[in-house]
């Protein structure tokens, strides 16, 4: 990485998400069944969830996860409230479309056949997508986004809606339709098996004709409850990577001792057992969201964690305030909702505190750690605003405090509702096949087992990598030895025609380089002094040391002996 990239933020959006992972995101069409009487119960919930989702999707940085969106509403007739538009940067237009959807009345009577309205809305959206791609996209974009996904949100019985779509679309061209999803929103007092409309076939009739319908496209049915969070998760599924053409991860296990897969051939080493996997995001990184300093984007150091105050330069920032709001059982916390680098919390040793206060604070911290470990608890804390630092933002972050065997706590940021992405993982109650189980057990049995993990035993060759990059990118030594003329060589006299003012610029630069070479010569030569030495003092005249005489007369006036020695030392 060059200096230009290093000068940027350490957690940029393109480092958090690789652009290649979101190169095949399909355009989306949302068809909302706003027919009464169900719309009066689900309209408010759906509009709020849609408003929240579009606000988030428009603010995300990094690769585009939702390129295009179109919105249809079915009431007395099908109506296109929003033709295909780019989501990023169009928050005002998208919110106005949500308000228009919210204004549809939830009472009345609709006599139009619902199956026909659904069919016309799907076909209209496909035709609109063809016209949009024909006039606005390049050939490369057309290859990547050559199909569209349609989502139908309704409160009518989901299985009946699926059969209506199958019957209405069986003879149409659906090449540009990538997927069709029907989302059934459950309402109070209405189940999946009642409220069949007059144009909806009964379950018995539908089961008889289901085998004769060969649609050629995939229609999925999803049941959700009538809540804002459930609807948000349905819409947030659009933010996942929709590539799916190739696996994203190969997990290599040592070759097993049993089975045909791990049997080596003649003179060849056994190949490892490869388990092919896909990767999925669990939450959105706060680094993708702009203007969110309180969301705990970085926890690399205490400087990133503390609140930045706007006081004087010599004033330290005020301490961060975390309010404990809940206790959590340790076995009830999923590790996938924790992110960022952890920080260690210890009792303070600030020298400005009184000794008694510091000792009491130490005892409280010790009691807190002991209580949490004894009860197997975690603490859920929330950041508190300090002064006017959060005015206009109001964004808070949540953290998790984990106790340890030592007198310390571990602080980790925890994801919130806005950042979570849907994650539906299947739970299997059946045992794997015996041959696969035998292979994996044989592979895992060859691995070395450690009862205590020691990270000091792991090496990543980071020192060697940094050393090689540092030597390659290091500038050349500024004081290179240069060939300078010897002292005995005659120097050209500087006359009026060769004054520095009249010399060419190139010649002046050469003379400057020669002067630098004389001042700093490499090798084993001594560095010449650039300051003239002081003139040497003349050698002192030789003086005979006076004869020492011992005069017992105390009235003698001869010069003391120490004064002559001082004079001699000064002369030397």
Foldseek 3Di string as FASTA:
>chain_A
DDPVVVPDDPDAQCVVPPQVLAQQQAAEEEEEELEPDVNVFQVVLLLVLQLLLLVVQQQFDDHRLHAWYWYWYQYLAIDTLGQIDGSHPCSVSSNVSSVVSSPDDNDDDHDDDPLVRVLVVVVVNVVSVVVCCVPPPDPVSCVSHVAYEYEYEDQAQQVQSVLSNLVSQQPDDRPRHAEYEYEHEHDPPDDNQDDADPNGDHPVVSVVCVVVRDRPHYYYYHYDYSHSLRSNQVVLVSSKRPPPPDFDDKDWFAFFPDDPQQDDDPPDHGGTDIDTHHDIQFWAQCSRGPPCLQACNADPDVVSVAQDDPDDPPDDGDGWDKAWDDKAAQVPDDPNQWDYDKDKAAQDPDPPDDPVVSVVSNVVLQVVLVVCVVRRIKTKIKTDDDDCSCVPPPDIWIWIWDHDPDSITIIITGDDSSTGHDDDDDDDPDDDDPVVVNRVCRRVVPDDDDPDDDCVVDDDCPVVVVVVVCVVPPDDDPQAADDEDDPPDDDDDQDPCNDPVNDDPVVVVVVVNNVSNLQDHDDPDDGDDPDDDDDDDDQDDDDDDDDDDDDPDPPDDDDDPVVVVVVVVVRD
